[in-house]
């Protein structure tokens, strides 16, 4: 029979130079609370500026639309005035060329009533 031997593992200190071991212990670096507050406030500021810029664009589009609508209403009024003028000129030309108007006498003032 074999004798039973006990194996004892030897613990090496962390700072010793061993085979395939790093001599520098790396620690995780994280942002501090002040850095996190600064980053969050900067992001909030950037998103706020984007929001305001988009709102300003919408307002300027509203002004442009209202200008175009006022131009449309002015041109519609001009068109209506021109349609009335065209009808008046057509009626005068039609009256001059009609046979009824040619048979009429010219109007003259015969006199005024006295007081």
PDB file of N, CA and C in Angstrom:
ATOM      1  N   UNK A   1       0.775  -1.154   0.000  1.00  0.00           N
ATOM      2  CA  UNK A   1       0.000   0.000   0.000  1.00  0.00           C
ATOM      3  C   UNK A   1       0.841   1.251   0.000  1.00  0.00           C
ATOM      4  N   UNK A   2       0.238   2.209  -0.575  1.00  0.00           N
ATOM      5  CA  UNK A   2       0.947   3.476  -0.666  1.00  0.00           C
ATOM      6  C   UNK A   2       0.701   4.315   0.561  1.00  0.00           C
ATOM      7  N   UNK A   3       1.682   5.062   0.864  1.00  0.00           N
ATOM      8  CA  UNK A   3       1.491   5.957   2.000  1.00  0.00           C
ATOM      9  C   UNK A   3       0.744   7.206   1.517  1.00  0.00           C
ATOM     10  N   UNK A   4      -0.100   7.646   2.309  1.00  0.00           N
ATOM     11  CA  UNK A   4      -0.861   8.826   1.946  1.00  0.00           C
ATOM     12  C   UNK A   4      -0.059  10.068   2.313  1.00  0.00           C
ATOM     13  N   UNK A   5       0.122  10.902   1.313  1.00  0.00           N
ATOM     14  CA  UNK A   5       0.821  12.139   1.594  1.00  0.00           C
ATOM     15  C   UNK A   5      -0.142  13.294   1.439  1.00  0.00           C
ATOM     16  N   UNK A   6       0.114  14.269   2.162  1.00  0.00           N
ATOM     17  CA  UNK A   6      -0.745  15.443   2.140  1.00  0.00           C
ATOM     18  C   UNK A   6      -0.038  16.522   1.339  1.00  0.00           C
ATOM     19  N   UNK A   7      -0.766  17.059   0.411  1.00  0.00           N
ATOM     20  CA  UNK A   7      -0.206  18.131  -0.410  1.00  0.00           C
ATOM     21  C   UNK A   7      -0.623  19.477   0.183  1.00  0.00           C
ATOM     22  N   UNK A   8       0.327  20.276   0.373  1.00  0.00           N
ATOM     23  CA  UNK A   8       0.056  21.605   0.904  1.00  0.00           C
ATOM     24  C   UNK A   8       0.415  22.610  -0.184  1.00  0.00           C
ATOM     25  N   UNK A   9      -0.535  23.441  -0.496  1.00  0.00           N
ATOM     26  CA  UNK A   9      -0.262  24.447  -1.513  1.00  0.00           C
ATOM     27  C   UNK A   9       0.390  25.638  -0.836  1.00  0.00           C
ATOM     28  N   UNK A  10       1.350  26.163  -1.508  1.00  0.00           N
ATOM     29  CA  UNK A  10       2.069  27.301  -0.971  1.00  0.00           C
ATOM     30  C   UNK A  10       1.438  28.578  -1.523  1.00  0.00           C
ATOM     31  N   UNK A  11       1.057  29.470  -0.690  1.00  0.00           N
ATOM     32  CA  UNK A  11       0.488  30.734  -1.139  1.00  0.00           C
ATOM     33  C   UNK A  11       1.611  31.720  -1.383  1.00  0.00           C
ATOM     34  N   UNK A  12       1.555  32.291  -2.559  1.00  0.00           N
ATOM     35  CA  UNK A  12       2.567  33.275  -2.893  1.00  0.00           C
ATOM     36  C   UNK A  12       2.048  34.660  -2.552  1.00  0.00           C
ATOM     37  N   UNK A  13       2.878  35.495  -2.052  1.00  0.00           N
ATOM     38  CA  UNK A  13       2.441  36.875  -1.826  1.00  0.00           C
ATOM     39  C   UNK A  13       2.138  37.541  -3.169  1.00  0.00           C
ATOM     40  N   UNK A  14       1.261  38.504  -3.172  1.00  0.00           N
ATOM     41  CA  UNK A  14       0.784  39.134  -4.398  1.00  0.00           C
ATOM     42  C   UNK A  14       1.895  39.931  -5.069  1.00  0.00           C
ATOM     43  N   UNK A  15       2.769  40.524  -4.326  1.00  0.00           N
ATOM     44  CA  UNK A  15       3.752  41.446  -4.889  1.00  0.00           C
ATOM     45  C   UNK A  15       5.012  40.754  -5.402  1.00  0.00           C
ATOM     46  N   UNK A  16       5.085  39.472  -5.301  1.00  0.00           N
ATOM     47  CA  UNK A  16       6.314  38.804  -5.747  1.00  0.00           C
ATOM     48  C   UNK A  16       6.304  38.619  -7.246  1.00  0.00           C
ATOM     49  N   UNK A  17       7.493  38.486  -7.794  1.00  0.00           N
ATOM     50  CA  UNK A  17       7.616  38.243  -9.224  1.00  0.00           C
ATOM     51  C   UNK A  17       7.485  36.750  -9.441  1.00  0.00           C
ATOM     52  N   UNK A  18       6.444  36.343 -10.079  1.00  0.00           N
ATOM     53  CA  UNK A  18       6.259  34.937 -10.380  1.00  0.00           C
ATOM     54  C   UNK A  18       6.142  34.756 -11.874  1.00  0.00           C
ATOM     55  N   UNK A  19       6.165  33.557 -12.292  1.00  0.00           N
ATOM     56  CA  UNK A  19       6.070  33.271 -13.705  1.00  0.00           C
ATOM     57  C   UNK A  19       4.650  33.541 -14.191  1.00  0.00           C
ATOM     58  N   UNK A  20       4.551  34.226 -15.336  1.00  0.00           N
ATOM     59  CA  UNK A  20       3.275  34.579 -15.963  1.00  0.00           C
ATOM     60  C   UNK A  20       2.354  35.391 -15.052  1.00  0.00           C
ATOM     61  N   UNK A  21       2.926  36.232 -14.296  1.00  0.00           N
ATOM     62  CA  UNK A  21       2.135  37.085 -13.414  1.00  0.00           C
ATOM     63  C   UNK A  21       2.510  38.540 -13.678  1.00  0.00           C
ATOM     64  N   UNK A  22       1.494  39.391 -13.622  1.00  0.00           N
ATOM     65  CA  UNK A  22       1.746  40.817 -13.775  1.00  0.00           C
ATOM     66  C   UNK A  22       2.281  41.382 -12.465  1.00  0.00           C
ATOM     67  N   UNK A  23       3.156  42.337 -12.588  1.00  0.00           N
ATOM     68  CA  UNK A  23       3.691  42.949 -11.377  1.00  0.00           C
ATOM     69  C   UNK A  23       2.885  44.183 -10.976  1.00  0.00           C
ATOM     70  N   UNK A  24       1.974  44.608 -11.847  1.00  0.00           N
ATOM     71  CA  UNK A  24       1.158  45.786 -11.560  1.00  0.00           C
ATOM     72  C   UNK A  24      -0.286  45.357 -11.450  1.00  0.00           C
ATOM     73  N   UNK A  25      -0.922  45.753 -10.398  1.00  0.00           N
ATOM     74  CA  UNK A  25      -2.330  45.431 -10.256  1.00  0.00           C
ATOM     75  C   UNK A  25      -3.129  46.597 -10.831  1.00  0.00           C
ATOM     76  N   UNK A  26      -3.991  46.287 -11.799  1.00  0.00           N
ATOM     77  CA  UNK A  26      -4.789  47.315 -12.440  1.00  0.00           C
ATOM     78  C   UNK A  26      -6.091  47.483 -11.684  1.00  0.00           C
ATOM     79  N   UNK A  27      -6.471  48.734 -11.487  1.00  0.00           N
ATOM     80  CA  UNK A  27      -7.740  49.001 -10.817  1.00  0.00           C
ATOM     81  C   UNK A  27      -8.686  49.652 -11.822  1.00  0.00           C
ATOM     82  N   UNK A  28      -9.952  49.407 -11.646  1.00  0.00           N
ATOM     83  CA  UNK A  28     -10.944  50.016 -12.526  1.00  0.00           C
ATOM     84  C   UNK A  28     -11.047  51.485 -12.176  1.00  0.00           C
ATOM     85  N   UNK A  29     -11.097  52.291 -13.220  1.00  0.00           N
ATOM     86  CA  UNK A  29     -11.258  53.720 -13.006  1.00  0.00           C
ATOM     87  C   UNK A  29     -12.696  54.079 -13.350  1.00  0.00           C
ATOM     88  N   UNK A  30     -13.296  54.861 -12.548  1.00  0.00           N
ATOM     89  CA  UNK A  30     -14.662  55.288 -12.805  1.00  0.00           C
ATOM     90  C   UNK A  30     -14.742  56.796 -12.609  1.00  0.00           C
ATOM     91  N   UNK A  31     -15.808  57.342 -13.146  1.00  0.00           N
ATOM     92  CA  UNK A  31     -16.012  58.782 -13.016  1.00  0.00           C
ATOM     93  C   UNK A  31     -16.498  59.109 -11.616  1.00  0.00           C
ATOM     94  N   UNK A  32     -16.102  60.250 -11.140  1.00  0.00           N
ATOM     95  CA  UNK A  32     -16.554  60.697  -9.841  1.00  0.00           C
ATOM     96  C   UNK A  32     -17.938  61.298  -9.923  1.00  0.00           C
ATOM     97  N   UNK A  33     -18.495  61.622  -8.786  1.00  0.00           N
ATOM     98  CA  UNK A  33     -19.855  62.151  -8.760  1.00  0.00           C
ATOM     99  C   UNK A  33     -19.927  63.532  -9.414  1.00  0.00           C
ATOM    100  N   UNK A  34     -18.917  64.350  -9.250  1.00  0.00           N
ATOM    101  CA  UNK A  34     -18.919  65.679  -9.863  1.00  0.00           C
ATOM    102  C   UNK A  34     -18.840  65.562 -11.378  1.00  0.00           C
ATOM    103  N   UNK A  35     -18.016  64.647 -11.872  1.00  0.00           N
ATOM    104  CA  UNK A  35     -17.915  64.444 -13.317  1.00  0.00           C
ATOM    105  C   UNK A  35     -19.240  63.966 -13.888  1.00  0.00           C
ATOM    106  N   UNK A  36     -19.904  63.087 -13.173  1.00  0.00           N
ATOM    107  CA  UNK A  36     -21.200  62.609 -13.650  1.00  0.00           C
ATOM    108  C   UNK A  36     -22.225  63.732 -13.680  1.00  0.00           C
ATOM    109  N   UNK A  37     -22.234  64.599 -12.694  1.00  0.00           N
ATOM    110  CA  UNK A  37     -23.157  65.729 -12.671  1.00  0.00           C
ATOM    111  C   UNK A  37     -22.872  66.672 -13.830  1.00  0.00           C
ATOM    112  N   UNK A  38     -21.596  66.926 -14.096  1.00  0.00           N
ATOM    113  CA  UNK A  38     -21.222  67.811 -15.202  1.00  0.00           C
ATOM    114  C   UNK A  38     -21.664  67.223 -16.535  1.00  0.00           C
ATOM    115  N   UNK A  39     -21.463  65.944 -16.736  1.00  0.00           N
ATOM    116  CA  UNK A  39     -21.839  65.295 -17.997  1.00  0.00           C
ATOM    117  C   UNK A  39     -23.355  65.334 -18.186  1.00  0.00           C
ATOM    118  N   UNK A  40     -24.102  65.031 -17.151  1.00  0.00           N
ATOM    119  CA  UNK A  40     -25.564  65.051 -17.252  1.00  0.00           C
ATOM    120  C   UNK A  40     -26.065  66.457 -17.531  1.00  0.00           C
ATOM    121  N   UNK A  41     -25.480  67.459 -16.870  1.00  0.00           N
ATOM    122  CA  UNK A  41     -25.918  68.836 -17.119  1.00  0.00           C
ATOM    123  C   UNK A  41     -25.563  69.289 -18.527  1.00  0.00           C
ATOM    124  N   UNK A  42     -24.408  68.874 -19.055  1.00  0.00           N
ATOM    125  CA  UNK A  42     -24.043  69.227 -20.433  1.00  0.00           C
ATOM    126  C   UNK A  42     -25.001  68.575 -21.430  1.00  0.00           C
ATOM    127  N   UNK A  43     -25.348  67.318 -21.201  1.00  0.00           N
ATOM    128  CA  UNK A  43     -26.299  66.638 -22.089  1.00  0.00           C
ATOM    129  C   UNK A  43     -27.665  67.330 -22.041  1.00  0.00           C
ATOM    130  N   UNK A  44     -28.097  67.723 -20.844  1.00  0.00           N
ATOM    131  CA  UNK A  44     -29.365  68.433 -20.713  1.00  0.00           C
ATOM    132  C   UNK A  44     -29.320  69.760 -21.462  1.00  0.00           C
ATOM    133  N   UNK A  45     -28.208  70.461 -21.350  1.00  0.00           N
ATOM    134  CA  UNK A  45     -28.049  71.738 -22.050  1.00  0.00           C
ATOM    135  C   UNK A  45     -28.098  71.544 -23.565  1.00  0.00           C
ATOM    136  N   UNK A  46     -27.417  70.531 -24.072  1.00  0.00           N
ATOM    137  CA  UNK A  46     -27.396  70.276 -25.517  1.00  0.00           C
ATOM    138  C   UNK A  46     -28.788  69.921 -26.016  1.00  0.00           C
ATOM    139  N   UNK A  47     -29.499  69.050 -25.301  1.00  0.00           N
ATOM    140  CA  UNK A  47     -30.847  68.683 -25.722  1.00  0.00           C
ATOM    141  C   UNK A  47     -31.791  69.881 -25.633  1.00  0.00           C
ATOM    142  N   UNK A  48     -31.606  70.736 -24.630  1.00  0.00           N
ATOM    143  CA  UNK A  48     -32.419  71.949 -24.520  1.00  0.00           C
ATOM    144  C   UNK A  48     -32.183  72.890 -25.690  1.00  0.00           C
ATOM    145  N   UNK A  49     -30.928  73.054 -26.085  1.00  0.00           N
ATOM    146  CA  UNK A  49     -30.628  73.917 -27.234  1.00  0.00           C
ATOM    147  C   UNK A  49     -31.207  73.355 -28.520  1.00  0.00           C
ATOM    148  N   UNK A  50     -31.151  72.057 -28.692  1.00  0.00           N
ATOM    149  CA  UNK A  50     -31.743  71.426 -29.878  1.00  0.00           C
ATOM    150  C   UNK A  50     -33.253  71.660 -29.878  1.00  0.00           C
ATOM    151  N   UNK A  51     -33.893  71.517 -28.719  1.00  0.00           N
ATOM    152  CA  UNK A  51     -35.343  71.722 -28.614  1.00  0.00           C
ATOM    153  C   UNK A  51     -35.717  73.155 -28.974  1.00  0.00           C
ATOM    154  N   UNK A  52     -34.958  74.109 -28.456  1.00  0.00           N
ATOM    155  CA  UNK A  52     -35.253  75.518 -28.739  1.00  0.00           C
ATOM    156  C   UNK A  52     -35.033  75.829 -30.216  1.00  0.00           C
ATOM    157  N   UNK A  53     -33.968  75.265 -30.802  1.00  0.00           N
ATOM    158  CA  UNK A  53     -33.698  75.511 -32.222  1.00  0.00           C
ATOM    159  C   UNK A  53     -34.825  74.964 -33.091  1.00  0.00           C
ATOM    160  N   UNK A  54     -35.322  73.787 -32.776  1.00  0.00           N
ATOM    161  CA  UNK A  54     -36.413  73.215 -33.555  1.00  0.00           C
ATOM    162  C   UNK A  54     -37.693  74.037 -33.378  1.00  0.00           C
ATOM    163  N   UNK A  55     -37.943  74.527 -32.174  1.00  0.00           N
ATOM    164  CA  UNK A  55     -39.114  75.371 -31.945  1.00  0.00           C
ATOM    165  C   UNK A  55     -39.037  76.671 -32.723  1.00  0.00           C
ATOM    166  N   UNK A  56     -37.828  77.221 -32.824  1.00  0.00           N
ATOM    167  CA  UNK A  56     -37.638  78.454 -33.589  1.00  0.00           C
ATOM    168  C   UNK A  56     -37.887  78.210 -35.067  1.00  0.00           C
ATOM    169  N   UNK A  57     -37.467  77.064 -35.574  1.00  0.00           N
ATOM    170  CA  UNK A  57     -37.709  76.736 -36.988  1.00  0.00           C
ATOM    171  C   UNK A  57     -39.208  76.670 -37.271  1.00  0.00           C
ATOM    172  N   UNK A  58     -39.943  76.058 -36.364  1.00  0.00           N
ATOM    173  CA  UNK A  58     -41.389  75.927 -36.556  1.00  0.00           C
ATOM    174  C   UNK A  58     -42.037  77.305 -36.569  1.00  0.00           C
ATOM    175  N   UNK A  59     -41.591  78.186 -35.684  1.00  0.00           N
ATOM    176  CA  UNK A  59     -42.149  79.541 -35.637  1.00  0.00           C
ATOM    177  C   UNK A  59     -41.851  80.300 -36.923  1.00  0.00           C
ATOM    178  N   UNK A  60     -40.632  80.152 -37.438  1.00  0.00           N
ATOM    179  CA  UNK A  60     -40.301  80.846 -38.684  1.00  0.00           C
ATOM    180  C   UNK A  60     -41.113  80.284 -39.848  1.00  0.00           C
ATOM    181  N   UNK A  61     -41.394  78.981 -39.829  1.00  0.00           N
ATOM    182  CA  UNK A  61     -42.252  78.410 -40.872  1.00  0.00           C
ATOM    183  C   UNK A  61     -43.664  78.980 -40.763  1.00  0.00           C
ATOM    184  N   UNK A  62     -44.145  79.201 -39.531  1.00  0.00           N
ATOM    185  CA  UNK A  62     -45.469  79.794 -39.354  1.00  0.00           C
ATOM    186  C   UNK A  62     -45.530  81.189 -39.957  1.00  0.00           C
ATOM    187  N   UNK A  63     -44.468  81.980 -39.743  1.00  0.00           N
ATOM    188  CA  UNK A  63     -44.438  83.327 -40.325  1.00  0.00           C
ATOM    189  C   UNK A  63     -44.423  83.259 -41.847  1.00  0.00           C
ATOM    190  N   UNK A  64     -43.650  82.350 -42.407  1.00  0.00           N
ATOM    191  CA  UNK A  64     -43.597  82.214 -43.866  1.00  0.00           C
ATOM    192  C   UNK A  64     -44.960  81.797 -44.415  1.00  0.00           C
ATOM    193  N   UNK A  65     -45.617  80.881 -43.734  1.00  0.00           N
ATOM    194  CA  UNK A  65     -46.930  80.411 -44.192  1.00  0.00           C
ATOM    195  C   UNK A  65     -47.939  81.551 -44.132  1.00  0.00           C
ATOM    196  N   UNK A  66     -47.899  82.353 -43.066  1.00  0.00           N
ATOM    197  CA  UNK A  66     -48.850  83.463 -42.968  1.00  0.00           C
ATOM    198  C   UNK A  66     -48.580  84.511 -44.051  1.00  0.00           C
ATOM    199  N   UNK A  67     -47.310  84.749 -44.399  1.00  0.00           N
ATOM    200  CA  UNK A  67     -46.999  85.677 -45.484  1.00  0.00           C
ATOM    201  C   UNK A  67     -47.545  85.168 -46.819  1.00  0.00           C
ATOM    202  N   UNK A  68     -47.363  83.887 -47.078  1.00  0.00           N
ATOM    203  CA  UNK A  68     -47.858  83.305 -48.329  1.00  0.00           C
ATOM    204  C   UNK A  68     -49.380  83.357 -48.371  1.00  0.00           C
ATOM    205  N   UNK A  69     -50.033  83.078 -47.239  1.00  0.00           N
ATOM    206  CA  UNK A  69     -51.495  83.133 -47.199  1.00  0.00           C
ATOM    207  C   UNK A  69     -52.003  84.551 -47.434  1.00  0.00           C
ATOM    208  N   UNK A  70     -51.295  85.557 -46.903  1.00  0.00           N
ATOM    209  CA  UNK A  70     -51.723  86.944 -47.141  1.00  0.00           C
ATOM    210  C   UNK A  70     -51.532  87.312 -48.612  1.00  0.00           C
ATOM    211  N   UNK A  71     -50.450  86.838 -49.226  1.00  0.00           N
ATOM    212  CA  UNK A  71     -50.258  87.075 -50.663  1.00  0.00           C
ATOM    213  C   UNK A  71     -51.369  86.417 -51.477  1.00  0.00           C
ATOM    214  N   UNK A  72     -51.753  85.218 -51.090  1.00  0.00           N
ATOM    215  CA  UNK A  72     -52.827  84.509 -51.800  1.00  0.00           C
ATOM    216  C   UNK A  72     -54.138  85.277 -51.687  1.00  0.00           C
ATOM    217  N   UNK A  73     -54.445  85.796 -50.489  1.00  0.00           N
ATOM    218  CA  UNK A  73     -55.699  86.539 -50.325  1.00  0.00           C
ATOM    219  C   UNK A  73     -55.678  87.847 -51.120  1.00  0.00           C
ATOM    220  N   UNK A  74     -54.507  88.530 -51.171  1.00  0.00           N
ATOM    221  CA  UNK A  74     -54.408  89.749 -51.977  1.00  0.00           C
ATOM    222  C   UNK A  74     -54.598  89.445 -53.458  1.00  0.00           C
ATOM    223  N   UNK A  75     -53.982  88.377 -53.935  1.00  0.00           N
ATOM    224  CA  UNK A  75     -54.100  88.021 -55.352  1.00  0.00           C
ATOM    225  C   UNK A  75     -55.517  87.566 -55.691  1.00  0.00           C
ATOM    226  N   UNK A  76     -56.189  86.915 -54.763  1.00  0.00           N
ATOM    227  CA  UNK A  76     -57.580  86.519 -54.993  1.00  0.00           C
ATOM    228  C   UNK A  76     -58.470  87.756 -55.122  1.00  0.00           C
ATOM    229  N   UNK A  77     -58.218  88.763 -54.261  1.00  0.00           N
ATOM    230  CA  UNK A  77     -58.996  90.011 -54.355  1.00  0.00           C
ATOM    231  C   UNK A  77     -58.721  90.713 -55.682  1.00  0.00           C
ATOM    232  N   UNK A  78     -57.463  90.726 -56.126  1.00  0.00           N
ATOM    233  CA  UNK A  78     -57.129  91.340 -57.418  1.00  0.00           C
ATOM    234  C   UNK A  78     -57.815  90.596 -58.560  1.00  0.00           C
ATOM    235  N   UNK A  79     -57.828  89.266 -58.464  1.00  0.00           N
ATOM    236  CA  UNK A  79     -58.478  88.465 -59.503  1.00  0.00           C
ATOM    237  C   UNK A  79     -59.965  88.775 -59.582  1.00  0.00           C
ATOM    238  N   UNK A  80     -60.608  88.907 -58.424  1.00  0.00           N
ATOM    239  CA  UNK A  80     -62.030  89.242 -58.413  1.00  0.00           C
ATOM    240  C   UNK A  80     -62.272  90.626 -59.012  1.00  0.00           C
ATOM    241  N   UNK A  81     -61.402  91.602 -58.670  1.00  0.00           N
ATOM    242  CA  UNK A  81     -61.532  92.945 -59.254  1.00  0.00           C
ATOM    243  C   UNK A  81     -61.352  92.912 -60.766  1.00  0.00           C
ATOM    244  N   UNK A  82     -60.388  92.131 -61.225  1.00  0.00           N
ATOM    245  CA  UNK A  82     -60.160  92.030 -62.670  1.00  0.00           C
ATOM    246  C   UNK A  82     -61.325  91.337 -63.374  1.00  0.00           C
ATOM    247  N   UNK A  83     -61.945  90.371 -62.701  1.00  0.00           N
ATOM    248  CA  UNK A  83     -63.111  89.708 -63.306  1.00  0.00           C
ATOM    249  C   UNK A  83     -64.260  90.691 -63.448  1.00  0.00           C
ATOM    250  N   UNK A  84     -64.469  91.562 -62.466  1.00  0.00           N
ATOM    251  CA  UNK A  84     -65.519  92.577 -62.557  1.00  0.00           C
ATOM    252  C   UNK A  84     -65.196  93.562 -63.664  1.00  0.00           C
ATOM    253  N   UNK A  85     -63.939  93.993 -63.746  1.00  0.00           N
ATOM    254  CA  UNK A  85     -63.531  94.934 -64.802  1.00  0.00           C
ATOM    255  C   UNK A  85     -63.714  94.317 -66.185  1.00  0.00           C
ATOM    256  N   UNK A  86     -63.389  93.047 -66.326  1.00  0.00           N
ATOM    257  CA  UNK A  86     -63.562  92.359 -67.609  1.00  0.00           C
ATOM    258  C   UNK A  86     -65.035  92.300 -67.995  1.00  0.00           C
ATOM    259  N   UNK A  87     -65.876  91.985 -67.043  1.00  0.00           N
ATOM    260  CA  UNK A  87     -67.316  91.922 -67.327  1.00  0.00           C
ATOM    261  C   UNK A  87     -67.848  93.295 -67.717  1.00  0.00           C
ATOM    262  N   UNK A  88     -67.377  94.354 -67.047  1.00  0.00           N
ATOM    263  CA  UNK A  88     -67.819  95.713 -67.386  1.00  0.00           C
ATOM    264  C   UNK A  88     -67.385  96.087 -68.796  1.00  0.00           C
ATOM    265  N   UNK A  89     -66.105  95.808 -69.131  1.00  0.00           N
ATOM    266  CA  UNK A  89     -65.625  96.142 -70.474  1.00  0.00           C
ATOM    267  C   UNK A  89     -66.332  95.327 -71.550  1.00  0.00           C
ATOM    268  N   UNK A  90     -66.609  94.074 -71.277  1.00  0.00           N
ATOM    269  CA  UNK A  90     -67.348  93.244 -72.238  1.00  0.00           C
ATOM    270  C   UNK A  90     -68.764  93.766 -72.437  1.00  0.00           C
ATOM    271  N   UNK A  91     -69.397  94.225 -71.364  1.00  0.00           N
ATOM    272  CA  UNK A  91     -70.768  94.725 -71.502  1.00  0.00           C
ATOM    273  C   UNK A  91     -70.802  96.034 -72.290  1.00  0.00           C
ATOM    274  N   UNK A  92     -69.789  96.900 -72.087  1.00  0.00           N
ATOM    275  CA  UNK A  92     -69.738  98.143 -72.859  1.00  0.00           C
ATOM    276  C   UNK A  92     -69.514  97.835 -74.334  1.00  0.00           C
ATOM    277  N   UNK A  93     -68.612  96.921 -74.638  1.00  0.00           N
ATOM    278  CA  UNK A  93     -68.346  96.564 -76.039  1.00  0.00           C
ATOM    279  C   UNK A  93     -69.562  95.902 -76.669  1.00  0.00           C
ATOM    280  N   UNK A  94     -70.248  95.074 -75.926  1.00  0.00           N
ATOM    281  CA  UNK A  94     -71.452  94.415 -76.440  1.00  0.00           C
ATOM    282  C   UNK A  94     -72.560  95.441 -76.688  1.00  0.00           C
ATOM    283  N   UNK A  95     -72.682  96.415 -75.811  1.00  0.00           N
ATOM    284  CA  UNK A  95     -73.717  97.443 -75.977  1.00  0.00           C
ATOM    285  C   UNK A  95     -73.444  98.319 -77.191  1.00  0.00           C
ATOM    286  N   UNK A  96     -72.187  98.633 -77.462  1.00  0.00           N
ATOM    287  CA  UNK A  96     -71.852  99.458 -78.628  1.00  0.00           C
ATOM    288  C   UNK A  96     -72.137  98.722 -79.925  1.00  0.00           C
ATOM    289  N   UNK A  97     -71.950  97.429 -79.941  1.00  0.00           N
ATOM    290  CA  UNK A  97     -72.116  96.650 -81.164  1.00  0.00           C
ATOM    291  C   UNK A  97     -73.545  96.122 -81.361  1.00  0.00           C
ATOM    292  N   UNK A  98     -74.421  96.345 -80.426  1.00  0.00           N
ATOM    293  CA  UNK A  98     -75.776  95.794 -80.562  1.00  0.00           C
ATOM    294  C   UNK A  98     -76.621  96.676 -81.493  1.00  0.00           C
ATOM    295  N   UNK A  99     -77.642  96.085 -82.108  1.00  0.00           N
ATOM    296  CA  UNK A  99     -78.533  96.816 -83.022  1.00  0.00           C
ATOM    297  C   UNK A  99     -79.480  97.723 -82.263  1.00  0.00           C
ATOM    298  N   UNK A 100     -79.837  97.360 -81.079  1.00  0.00           N
ATOM    299  CA  UNK A 100     -80.733  98.182 -80.259  1.00  0.00           C
ATOM    300  C   UNK A 100     -80.034  99.490 -79.908  1.00  0.00           C
ATOM    301  N   UNK A 101     -78.755  99.413 -79.543  1.00  0.00           N
ATOM    302  CA  UNK A 101     -78.009 100.618 -79.175  1.00  0.00           C
ATOM    303  C   UNK A 101     -77.766 101.492 -80.388  1.00  0.00           C
ATOM    304  N   UNK A 102     -77.631 100.908 -81.578  1.00  0.00           N
ATOM    305  CA  UNK A 102     -77.409 101.709 -82.789  1.00  0.00           C
ATOM    306  C   UNK A 102     -78.670 102.467 -83.179  1.00  0.00           C
ATOM    307  N   UNK A 103     -79.844 101.944 -82.829  1.00  0.00           N
ATOM    308  CA  UNK A 103     -81.103 102.610 -83.182  1.00  0.00           C
ATOM    309  C   UNK A 103     -81.461 103.726 -82.211  1.00  0.00           C
ATOM    310  N   UNK A 104     -80.768 103.816 -81.093  1.00  0.00           N
ATOM    311  CA  UNK A 104     -81.087 104.833 -80.095  1.00  0.00           C
ATOM    312  C   UNK A 104     -80.460 106.167 -80.487  1.00  0.00           C
ATOM    313  N   UNK A 105     -81.094 107.225 -80.001  1.00  0.00           N
ATOM    314  CA  UNK A 105     -80.527 108.563 -80.224  1.00  0.00           C
ATOM    315  C   UNK A 105     -79.518 108.859 -79.130  1.00  0.00           C
ATOM    316  N   UNK A 106     -78.612 109.798 -79.456  1.00  0.00           N
ATOM    317  CA  UNK A 106     -77.640 110.195 -78.454  1.00  0.00           C
ATOM    318  C   UNK A 106     -78.348 111.039 -77.401  1.00  0.00           C
ATOM    319  N   UNK A 107     -77.921 110.913 -76.199  1.00  0.00           N
ATOM    320  CA  UNK A 107     -78.526 111.670 -75.107  1.00  0.00           C
ATOM    321  C   UNK A 107     -77.949 113.066 -75.064  1.00  0.00           C
ATOM    322  N   UNK A 108     -78.810 114.048 -74.990  1.00  0.00           N
ATOM    323  CA  UNK A 108     -78.367 115.440 -74.861  1.00  0.00           C
ATOM    324  C   UNK A 108     -79.152 116.067 -73.725  1.00  0.00           C
ATOM    325  N   UNK A 109     -78.576 117.094 -73.162  1.00  0.00           N
ATOM    326  CA  UNK A 109     -79.244 117.804 -72.081  1.00  0.00           C
ATOM    327  C   UNK A 109     -80.114 118.882 -72.700  1.00  0.00           C
ATOM    328  N   UNK A 110     -81.363 118.795 -72.413  1.00  0.00           N
ATOM    329  CA  UNK A 110     -82.281 119.772 -73.009  1.00  0.00           C
ATOM    330  C   UNK A 110     -82.387 121.017 -72.148  1.00  0.00           C
ATOM    331  N   UNK A 111     -82.123 120.932 -70.918  1.00  0.00           N
ATOM    332  CA  UNK A 111     -82.171 122.092 -70.065  1.00  0.00           C
ATOM    333  C   UNK A 111     -82.284 121.671 -68.603  1.00  0.00           C
ATOM    334  N   UNK A 112     -82.183 122.658 -67.770  1.00  0.00           N
ATOM    335  CA  UNK A 112     -82.268 122.403 -66.349  1.00  0.00           C
ATOM    336  C   UNK A 112     -83.512 123.062 -65.793  1.00  0.00           C
ATOM    337  N   UNK A 113     -84.035 122.557 -64.762  1.00  0.00           N
ATOM    338  CA  UNK A 113     -85.209 123.132 -64.121  1.00  0.00           C
ATOM    339  C   UNK A 113     -84.803 124.397 -63.371  1.00  0.00           C
ATOM    340  N   UNK A 114     -85.646 125.398 -63.479  1.00  0.00           N
ATOM    341  CA  UNK A 114     -85.352 126.655 -62.814  1.00  0.00           C
ATOM    342  C   UNK A 114     -85.976 126.646 -61.436  1.00  0.00           C
ATOM    343  N   UNK A 115     -85.408 127.462 -60.620  1.00  0.00           N
ATOM    344  CA  UNK A 115     -85.939 127.540 -59.256  1.00  0.00           C
ATOM    345  C   UNK A 115     -87.217 128.276 -59.205  1.00  0.00           C
TER     346      UNK A 115
END
